[in-house]
Protein backbone atom coordinates (compact mmCIF):
# COMPACT_ATOMS: atom_id res chain seq x y z
CA MET A 1 42.44 25.97 -1.43
CA ALA A 2 44.31 29.15 -1.71
CA ASP A 3 41.13 31.03 -0.37
CA THR A 4 40.91 31.97 3.00
CA LYS A 5 37.35 31.44 3.56
CA LYS A 6 36.85 28.01 5.33
CA ARG A 7 35.58 25.00 2.91
CA CYS A 8 33.23 22.10 3.71
CA PHE A 9 33.06 19.04 1.90
CA VAL A 10 29.63 17.12 2.31
CA VAL A 11 29.98 13.23 1.98
CA MET A 12 26.95 11.73 0.82
CA GLY A 13 24.68 9.94 -1.68
CA PHE A 14 22.80 12.33 -4.07
CA GLY A 15 19.38 11.78 -5.70
CA THR A 16 17.06 9.07 -4.24
CA LYS A 17 18.93 6.32 -2.59
CA THR A 18 17.73 2.84 -0.91
CA ASP A 19 18.49 1.66 2.40
CA TYR A 20 18.58 -2.31 1.60
CA ILE A 21 18.07 -3.25 5.14
CA ASN A 22 14.36 -1.62 5.47
CA GLY A 23 13.75 -0.86 1.92
CA ARG A 24 13.23 2.78 2.53
CA LYS A 25 13.64 5.41 -0.50
CA LEU A 26 15.13 8.86 0.93
CA ASP A 27 15.51 11.92 -0.90
CA LEU A 28 19.07 12.80 -0.10
CA ASN A 29 19.31 15.73 -2.36
CA LYS A 30 16.54 17.33 0.20
CA SER A 31 18.77 16.52 3.39
CA TYR A 32 21.48 18.50 1.65
CA ARG A 33 19.50 21.63 0.37
CA LEU A 34 17.33 21.83 3.40
CA LEU A 35 19.35 20.57 6.64
CA ILE A 36 23.26 20.96 5.29
CA LYS A 37 23.82 23.64 3.11
CA PRO A 38 22.05 26.30 4.45
CA VAL A 39 23.70 25.79 7.85
CA VAL A 40 27.04 25.32 6.41
CA GLU A 41 26.85 28.91 4.94
CA ALA A 42 25.05 30.83 7.27
CA LYS A 43 28.85 30.19 9.45
CA GLY A 44 30.40 31.83 6.65
CA VAL A 45 31.72 28.69 5.34
CA GLU A 46 31.92 27.12 1.44
CA CYS A 47 29.79 23.92 1.34
CA VAL A 48 30.15 21.71 -1.47
CA ARG A 49 29.33 18.06 -2.24
CA ALA A 50 30.96 16.04 -4.94
CA ASP A 51 28.47 16.41 -7.47
CA GLU A 52 28.68 20.15 -7.40
CA ILE A 53 32.47 20.23 -8.31
CA THR A 54 33.45 21.29 -11.94
CA HIS A 55 35.65 18.02 -12.91
CA SER A 56 38.17 18.62 -15.61
CA GLY A 57 39.65 15.11 -15.17
CA SER A 58 39.11 11.98 -12.56
CA ILE A 59 36.67 12.49 -9.96
CA ASP A 60 38.47 10.51 -7.64
CA VAL A 61 41.55 12.85 -7.68
CA GLN A 62 39.19 15.68 -6.81
CA MET A 63 37.55 13.58 -4.08
CA TYR A 64 40.58 13.05 -2.25
CA ARG A 65 41.73 16.22 -2.36
CA GLU A 66 38.74 17.36 -0.44
CA LEU A 67 38.93 14.62 1.97
CA LEU A 68 42.42 16.02 2.92
CA GLN A 69 41.96 19.75 2.43
CA ALA A 70 38.92 20.38 3.48
CA ASP A 71 38.33 22.51 6.86
CA LEU A 72 35.36 20.37 7.71
CA VAL A 73 33.76 17.27 6.35
CA ILE A 74 30.04 16.34 7.06
CA ALA A 75 29.65 12.71 6.24
CA ASP A 76 25.93 11.66 6.03
CA LEU A 77 25.58 8.08 6.33
CA SER A 78 21.88 7.48 5.71
CA THR A 79 21.22 4.32 3.53
CA LEU A 80 24.62 2.99 4.73
CA ASN A 81 25.98 4.45 1.15
CA ALA A 82 29.07 2.36 0.65
CA ASN A 83 30.89 5.55 -1.19
CA ALA A 84 29.74 7.66 2.16
CA LEU A 85 31.51 5.03 4.58
CA TYR A 86 34.52 4.62 2.22
CA GLU A 87 35.08 8.40 2.12
CA LEU A 88 34.30 8.97 5.93
CA GLY A 89 37.16 6.38 6.48
CA ILE A 90 39.64 8.09 4.34
CA ARG A 91 38.38 11.01 5.90
CA HIS A 92 39.29 9.46 9.43
CA ALA A 93 42.79 8.59 8.38
CA LEU A 94 44.04 11.52 7.04
CA ARG A 95 42.78 14.40 9.48
CA PRO A 96 42.25 13.89 13.20
CA PHE A 97 39.66 16.50 13.58
CA THR A 98 36.98 18.79 11.96
CA THR A 99 34.65 15.53 10.70
CA ILE A 100 30.92 15.49 11.41
CA VAL A 101 29.04 12.34 11.37
CA ILE A 102 24.91 12.89 10.48
CA SER A 103 22.55 10.21 9.34
CA GLU A 104 18.46 9.62 9.34
CA ASN A 105 17.20 8.12 12.36
CA LYS A 106 16.21 4.71 10.95
CA LEU A 107 19.66 3.85 10.07
CA MET A 108 20.69 0.60 11.16
CA TYR A 109 24.48 1.20 12.27
CA PRO A 110 27.19 -1.29 11.74
CA PHE A 111 28.83 -2.38 14.51
CA ASP A 112 32.18 -0.43 13.96
CA LEU A 113 30.42 3.02 13.91
CA ASN A 114 28.97 2.37 17.47
CA HIS A 115 31.58 4.10 18.99
CA ILE A 116 31.35 7.48 16.63
CA VAL A 117 29.17 10.18 17.45
CA ILE A 118 26.21 10.12 14.87
CA HIS A 119 24.02 13.20 14.96
CA SER A 120 20.35 11.98 13.58
CA TYR A 121 17.45 13.68 11.88
CA GLN A 122 14.07 12.44 10.81
CA HIS A 123 13.42 11.71 7.32
CA LEU A 124 10.09 10.88 5.72
CA GLY A 125 11.48 9.34 2.72
CA ASP A 126 10.48 11.91 -0.12
CA ALA A 127 10.22 14.92 2.15
CA ILE A 128 11.44 16.36 5.50
CA ASP A 129 8.86 17.82 8.07
CA TYR A 130 9.60 21.68 8.79
CA GLU A 131 9.90 21.47 12.30
CA GLU A 132 12.58 19.04 11.75
CA VAL A 133 14.48 20.94 9.45
CA GLU A 134 14.17 24.03 11.97
CA ARG A 135 15.40 21.80 14.86
CA PHE A 136 18.23 20.01 12.96
CA ARG A 137 19.43 23.07 11.46
CA ALA A 138 19.72 24.80 15.06
CA ALA A 139 21.67 21.42 16.45
CA LEU A 140 23.75 21.29 13.42
CA GLY A 141 25.21 24.71 13.56
CA ASN A 142 25.80 24.42 17.05
CA VAL A 143 27.84 21.26 16.30
CA ILE A 144 29.94 23.12 13.56
CA GLN A 145 30.74 26.21 15.49
CA THR A 146 31.87 23.46 18.66
CA VAL A 147 33.86 21.27 15.86
CA LEU A 148 35.80 24.53 14.41
CA ASP A 149 36.48 26.31 17.51
CA LYS A 150 37.89 23.35 19.68
CA LYS A 151 39.98 21.23 16.91
CA GLU A 152 39.58 18.31 19.38
CA PRO A 153 40.04 14.82 17.61
CA ASP A 154 37.00 13.06 16.26
CA SER A 155 38.77 10.49 14.16
CA PRO A 156 38.85 7.28 15.88
CA VAL A 157 42.19 6.55 14.00
CA TYR A 158 43.85 9.57 15.80
CA THR A 159 42.16 8.89 19.17
CA TYR A 160 43.27 5.24 19.52
CA LEU A 161 46.53 5.71 17.81
CA ASN A 162 47.69 9.02 19.28
CA SER A 163 51.15 9.04 18.05
CA LEU A 164 49.96 9.41 14.45
CA ILE A 165 50.85 12.28 12.58
CA PRO A 166 48.38 13.72 9.84
CA PRO A 167 49.95 13.20 5.96
CA LYS A 168 50.95 16.25 4.16
CA LEU A 169 50.70 15.59 0.46
CA GLN A 170 49.80 19.02 -0.66
CA ALA A 171 52.36 18.83 -3.44
CA GLU A 172 51.57 15.40 -4.69
CA ILE A 173 47.94 16.26 -4.75
CA GLU A 174 48.20 19.35 -6.84
CA LYS A 175 50.78 17.20 -9.24
CA ALA A 176 47.90 14.68 -9.39
CA VAL A 177 45.32 17.06 -10.50
CA GLU A 178 47.35 18.89 -13.00
CA SER A 179 48.26 15.51 -14.68
CA GLN A 180 44.40 14.58 -14.67
CA GLU A 181 43.69 17.90 -16.23
CA LYS A 182 45.93 17.62 -19.11
CA LYS A 183 43.85 14.63 -20.12
CA PRO A 184 41.28 14.70 -22.95
CA THR A 185 37.70 14.81 -21.93
CA SER A 186 34.19 14.59 -23.07
CA PRO A 187 32.21 17.68 -23.92
CA GLU A 188 30.03 17.52 -20.70
CA ILE A 189 33.40 17.41 -18.38
CA GLY A 190 34.24 20.51 -16.74
CA LYS A 191 30.49 20.84 -15.81
CA ALA A 192 29.56 19.98 -12.06
CA LEU A 193 27.49 16.92 -12.16
CA SER A 194 24.80 18.40 -10.05
CA LEU A 195 24.21 21.09 -13.16
CA ILE A 196 24.15 18.33 -15.66
CA ILE A 197 21.62 16.30 -13.60
CA GLN A 198 19.52 19.24 -12.92
CA GLU A 199 19.44 20.20 -16.71
CA ALA A 200 18.20 16.61 -17.18
CA GLU A 201 15.57 16.88 -14.81
CA ASP A 202 14.40 20.25 -16.67
CA ALA A 203 14.22 18.33 -19.78
CA ILE A 204 12.00 15.73 -18.16
CA GLU A 205 9.70 18.42 -17.18
CA THR A 206 9.23 20.06 -20.87
CA LYS A 207 9.30 16.22 -22.00
CA GLU A 208 12.27 16.52 -24.06
CA PHE A 209 13.34 12.88 -22.91
CA LEU A 210 15.80 12.48 -25.79
CA LYS A 211 17.70 15.36 -24.44
CA ALA A 212 17.36 14.12 -20.99
CA LYS A 213 18.76 10.52 -22.00
CA GLY A 214 21.92 12.11 -23.43
CA LEU A 215 22.59 14.53 -20.46
CA PHE A 216 21.98 11.46 -17.84
CA GLN A 217 24.41 9.60 -19.92
CA SER A 218 26.71 12.11 -19.68
CA ALA A 219 26.43 12.38 -15.95
CA LEU A 220 26.90 8.65 -15.53
CA LEU A 221 30.03 8.93 -17.25
CA LEU A 222 31.32 11.79 -15.31
CA SER A 223 30.15 10.04 -11.78
CA GLY A 224 32.69 7.34 -13.05
CA GLN A 225 30.40 4.41 -11.44
CA LYS A 226 27.28 2.49 -11.85
CA ASP A 227 25.39 5.14 -9.73
CA THR A 228 21.78 3.19 -9.21
CA TYR A 229 19.97 6.62 -9.14
CA LEU A 230 21.20 7.69 -12.33
CA ILE A 231 20.93 4.28 -13.89
CA HIS A 232 17.02 4.29 -12.85
CA ARG A 233 16.58 7.97 -13.94
CA LEU A 234 18.41 7.12 -17.54
CA ALA A 235 16.41 3.62 -18.20
CA PHE A 236 12.86 5.87 -17.37
CA VAL A 237 14.03 8.71 -19.92
CA THR A 238 15.21 5.84 -22.31
CA TYR A 239 11.87 4.21 -22.84
CA LYS A 240 10.02 7.31 -22.59
CA ALA A 241 12.20 8.76 -25.50
CA ALA A 242 10.94 5.71 -27.63
CA HIS A 243 13.78 6.29 -29.82
CA PRO A 244 14.16 4.82 -32.54
CA ASP A 245 10.94 3.16 -31.44
CA LEU A 246 9.16 2.28 -28.17
CA VAL A 247 10.12 -1.51 -28.22
CA THR A 248 13.75 -0.94 -29.01
CA SER A 249 13.64 1.70 -26.12
CA LEU A 250 12.25 -0.67 -23.66
CA TYR A 251 14.74 -3.44 -24.27
CA GLU A 252 17.73 -0.75 -24.01
CA SER A 253 16.00 0.39 -20.65
CA LEU A 254 15.76 -3.34 -19.64
CA ALA A 255 19.42 -3.59 -20.29
CA LEU A 256 20.41 -0.56 -17.88
CA LEU A 257 18.22 -2.11 -15.24
CA GLU A 258 19.86 -5.52 -15.58
CA SER A 259 23.40 -3.94 -15.66
CA ILE A 260 22.65 -3.27 -11.53
CA ASN A 261 21.90 -6.90 -10.74
CA LEU A 262 18.39 -6.64 -11.19
CA ALA A 263 18.14 -10.71 -10.94
CA HIS A 264 19.00 -10.58 -7.55
CA THR A 265 18.83 -6.86 -6.03
CA ASN A 266 16.49 -6.04 -3.13
CA ASP A 267 16.31 -2.72 -4.42
CA PRO A 268 12.77 -1.90 -4.80
CA GLU A 269 13.03 1.07 -7.10
CA THR A 270 15.00 -1.28 -9.74
CA VAL A 271 12.69 -4.25 -9.62
CA SER A 272 9.41 -1.65 -9.49
CA SER A 273 11.08 -0.03 -12.69
CA ALA A 274 11.70 -3.29 -14.39
CA GLY A 275 8.16 -4.47 -13.69
CA ALA A 276 6.92 -1.07 -15.47
CA VAL A 277 9.14 -1.90 -18.45
CA LYS A 278 8.20 -5.69 -18.51
CA LYS A 279 4.22 -4.37 -18.40
CA LYS A 280 4.95 -2.32 -21.58
CA LEU A 281 6.86 -4.93 -23.21
CA TYR A 282 3.86 -7.05 -22.78
CA GLU A 283 1.25 -4.55 -24.12
CA CYS A 284 3.47 -4.09 -26.93
CA GLY A 285 3.13 -7.58 -27.60
CA GLU A 286 6.48 -8.84 -27.26
CA GLY A 287 4.96 -11.94 -25.34
CA ALA A 288 3.47 -13.36 -22.20
CA ASN A 289 6.92 -14.09 -20.95
CA HIS A 290 7.09 -10.32 -19.79
CA LEU A 291 4.10 -10.49 -18.21
CA GLU A 292 5.02 -13.34 -15.65
CA ASP A 293 8.41 -11.16 -15.09
CA SER A 294 6.23 -8.03 -14.55
CA ILE A 295 4.09 -9.62 -11.70
CA LEU A 296 7.34 -11.39 -10.29
CA TYR A 297 9.12 -7.93 -9.92
CA TYR A 298 5.86 -5.94 -8.92
CA GLN A 299 5.34 -8.49 -6.26
CA ARG A 300 8.86 -7.92 -4.84
CA SER A 301 8.84 -4.25 -4.64
CA TYR A 302 5.15 -4.50 -3.31
CA TYR A 303 6.10 -6.85 -0.44
CA LEU A 304 9.30 -4.64 0.12
CA LEU A 305 7.47 -1.21 0.37
CA ASN A 306 4.23 -2.31 1.21
CA ASN A 307 3.27 0.90 -1.48
CA ARG A 308 0.10 2.05 -3.04
CA TYR A 309 2.07 2.11 -6.61
CA ASN A 310 3.48 -1.03 -6.35
CA GLY A 311 0.19 -2.45 -5.23
CA ILE A 312 -1.72 -0.84 -7.94
CA ASN A 313 0.47 -1.96 -11.05
CA LEU A 314 0.27 -5.63 -9.38
CA ALA A 315 -3.48 -5.81 -9.39
CA LEU A 316 -3.29 -4.59 -13.17
CA THR A 317 -1.05 -7.11 -14.19
CA LEU A 318 -2.76 -10.26 -12.56
CA VAL A 319 -6.19 -8.74 -14.36
CA TYR A 320 -3.86 -9.24 -17.50
CA HIS A 321 -2.78 -12.65 -16.64
CA ALA A 322 -6.34 -13.71 -16.25
CA THR A 323 -6.89 -12.59 -19.64
CA SER A 324 -3.62 -13.82 -21.10
CA PRO A 325 -2.88 -16.88 -22.89
CA LEU A 326 -0.93 -18.17 -20.24
CA VAL A 327 -4.26 -19.23 -17.97
CA GLN A 328 -6.16 -21.91 -19.47
CA ASN A 329 -9.26 -22.24 -17.28
CA GLU A 330 -11.68 -20.23 -15.14
CA GLN A 331 -10.61 -21.60 -12.03
CA GLU A 332 -7.26 -19.95 -12.67
CA ARG A 333 -9.02 -16.50 -13.85
CA ILE A 334 -10.89 -16.27 -10.79
CA ALA A 335 -7.60 -17.25 -9.06
CA ASP A 336 -5.83 -14.11 -10.64
CA LEU A 337 -8.93 -12.09 -9.80
CA VAL A 338 -9.36 -12.98 -6.36
CA PHE A 339 -5.43 -12.03 -5.80
CA ALA A 340 -5.97 -8.58 -7.52
CA ARG A 341 -9.30 -8.02 -5.56
CA ARG A 342 -7.03 -8.51 -2.35
CA THR A 343 -4.59 -6.31 -3.37
CA TRP A 344 -7.05 -3.42 -4.44
CA THR A 345 -8.41 -3.75 -0.91
CA ARG A 346 -5.13 -3.37 0.63
CA VAL A 347 -4.59 -0.36 -1.48
CA LEU A 348 -7.68 1.31 -0.07
CA TYR A 349 -6.21 0.68 3.42
CA LEU A 350 -3.04 2.56 2.31
CA CYS A 351 -4.76 5.20 0.54
CA ASP A 352 -6.51 6.03 4.00
CA ARG A 353 -3.39 5.68 5.95
CA ASP A 354 -1.56 7.96 3.33
CA TRP A 355 -4.35 10.44 3.70
CA LYS A 356 -4.38 11.05 7.12
CA LEU A 357 -0.34 11.56 7.26
CA ILE A 358 -0.24 13.66 4.29
CA ILE A 359 -2.90 16.07 5.78
CA GLU A 360 -1.18 16.32 8.95
CA LYS A 361 1.99 16.85 7.57
CA GLU A 362 0.82 19.78 5.25
CA LYS A 363 -0.65 21.14 8.26
CA ASN A 364 2.21 21.60 10.30
CA ASP A 365 3.90 22.82 7.56
CA GLN A 366 1.92 25.61 6.72
CA ASP A 367 4.42 28.50 8.13
CA LEU A 368 7.14 27.47 5.30
CA ILE A 369 4.58 26.79 2.54
CA ASN A 370 2.98 30.35 2.84
CA ASP A 371 6.49 31.85 3.45
CA GLY A 372 6.89 32.92 -0.29
CA THR A 373 10.08 31.16 -0.94
CA LYS A 374 10.83 28.49 -3.57
CA ASP A 375 11.03 25.78 -0.65
CA GLY A 376 7.70 26.78 0.40
CA GLN A 377 6.43 26.59 -3.40
CA GLU A 378 7.87 23.09 -3.92
CA LEU A 379 6.62 21.66 -0.82
CA GLN A 380 3.32 22.83 -1.37
CA GLU A 381 3.94 21.12 -5.15
CA TYR A 382 5.00 17.68 -3.52
CA TYR A 383 1.83 17.67 -1.19
CA ASN A 384 -0.24 18.32 -4.00
CA ALA A 385 1.50 15.32 -5.89
CA GLN A 386 1.07 13.22 -3.06
CA LYS A 387 -2.86 13.93 -2.50
CA TYR A 388 -3.58 13.71 -6.28
CA TRP A 389 -1.89 10.02 -6.39
CA ILE A 390 -3.65 9.14 -3.29
CA LEU A 391 -7.04 10.15 -4.42
CA VAL A 392 -6.73 8.58 -8.28
CA ASN A 393 -5.13 5.45 -6.44
CA ARG A 394 -8.10 5.16 -4.48
CA ALA A 395 -10.13 5.37 -7.72
CA GLU A 396 -8.54 2.68 -9.25
CA ALA A 397 -8.74 0.37 -6.66
CA SER A 398 -12.27 1.01 -6.10
CA PHE A 399 -13.20 0.93 -9.92
CA GLY A 400 -11.56 -2.60 -9.75
CA LEU A 401 -13.64 -3.98 -6.85
CA GLY A 402 -16.73 -2.62 -8.65
CA ASP A 403 -17.43 0.12 -6.36
CA PHE A 404 -18.11 2.72 -9.19
CA ALA A 405 -19.83 5.38 -6.74
CA THR A 406 -16.28 5.55 -4.47
CA TYR A 407 -14.37 5.86 -7.70
CA GLN A 408 -16.44 8.62 -9.27
CA LEU A 409 -16.18 10.31 -5.72
CA SER A 410 -12.67 10.09 -5.88
CA VAL A 411 -12.04 11.15 -9.31
CA GLU A 412 -14.05 14.36 -8.41
CA GLU A 413 -12.03 15.17 -5.29
CA SER A 414 -8.98 14.51 -7.46
CA GLN A 415 -10.06 17.36 -9.71
CA LYS A 416 -10.10 19.89 -6.77
CA VAL A 417 -6.15 19.19 -6.26
CA LYS A 418 -3.97 21.01 -8.70
CA PHE A 419 -2.05 18.33 -11.00
CA HIS A 420 -0.33 18.00 -13.84
CA LEU A 421 -1.81 17.30 -17.17
CA TRP A 422 0.64 14.04 -17.35
CA GLN A 423 -0.83 12.88 -13.98
CA LEU A 424 -4.40 12.91 -15.48
CA GLU A 425 -3.19 11.27 -18.84
CA SER A 426 -1.42 8.65 -16.95
CA PHE A 427 -4.62 7.65 -14.67
CA THR A 428 -6.81 7.73 -17.63
CA GLU A 429 -4.84 5.35 -19.55
CA GLN A 430 -4.49 3.09 -16.67
CA ILE A 431 -8.43 3.17 -16.08
CA GLY A 432 -8.96 2.35 -19.82
CA LYS A 433 -6.70 -0.67 -19.64
CA LEU A 434 -8.64 -2.06 -16.50
CA LYS A 435 -11.71 -1.52 -17.80
CA ALA A 436 -11.14 -3.33 -21.13
CA GLU A 437 -9.87 -6.34 -19.17
CA MET A 438 -12.24 -6.28 -16.77
CA LYS A 439 -14.98 -6.64 -19.06
CA LYS A 440 -13.67 -9.79 -20.51
CA ILE A 441 -13.68 -11.56 -17.13
CA GLY A 442 -15.79 -9.34 -14.40
CA HIS A 443 -18.59 -12.06 -15.12
CA LEU A 444 -16.67 -14.61 -13.10
CA ILE A 445 -17.03 -13.23 -9.66
CA GLU A 446 -19.65 -12.49 -7.36
CA PRO A 447 -21.01 -9.90 -7.39
CA LYS A 448 -20.46 -9.50 -11.03
CA TRP A 449 -18.27 -6.90 -12.13
CA GLU A 450 -20.40 -4.60 -14.53
CA PHE A 451 -19.34 -1.17 -15.70
CA PRO A 452 -22.60 1.10 -15.54
CA GLU A 453 -22.46 2.46 -19.39
């Protein structure tokens, strides 16, 4: 902390986190990258989040030092992240002023936070509207300037216990850091966590899943905790790597998900990932019990989120169930098909809803999309991906319902949107599986499901 430049430490989760109260998933990296970091740096203040700190020892020591010494702390409590709440409490105990609390506007605050000023922003889950970015940047910039200028107490600890004297532990902290730095470290320690995660994501883009697996394992070790986001990503690349073989990697992926309370969690990302792993185990011939589990997991995540992805996969597992040895008579097969058809019908509704929303958001964000920046390019890629998935989800639901005209039209529309080859391969594989199963049982419903050859 010898530099004269002021330093801001940002307290928040990283990656995609779930608000367990309302089931919403938020990309917190976008909150940090779009709403917080550029505003802080525009004020001439160095901005750092825990995952950006280069570690040579315990992450906890580094974190405590930042919470005490940082000239400014911004705490984003979105998703009621337990670590963020804990670190905010420490900051309030250590420093009487220069702490700003923010969150997305759908957060259900605990009672004990009601007396703290919390500056809110609108988060759309996997994106943030351009107009909201502009609004909140201006608002946060004004708050930062006010906090740095006035030095008025914002900690409830020092507000209500105004005789307290803030601690001065500089020597002790430096000694603890020095002690940690002398300890042996793994090869990846010495890198910032954010850099390791980015390298892992880059490896996914080039389909180097085994490399990504090793990087996420290092990131998890460096984080020092069972971070759900890192475990989700590690579970994903583990089964995608298919090393030493697909079945072994699927069981390894499942064990990772079980380590974060799969049996009882309401985290839709965890149960949805488990549904995918269990479905693949069934497809690999590992037993019908995996199919039953897959249906249960997809049902949980579908009812929690009411979204297209889980609906589409739930319907396919129901069709699998209808053709599996688990079903002994036609009445049960028809029941599975009825449930699948209801789910597909709901997916069509969700496609129409989401299409209107995404087109309106894309229209509102044209200024950013066309400004030639990396942010604009990433935003256009996001909208292209969303439109592609909506169109192929509509195609698959129509295919399952026997509406082949709408299926064909949706496929043709999807070809007009920029997409990645893996997206097309994923959709084509899914349709192939659905077609094979529906040919076995499509005659049981009226009107009969008959694919026009």
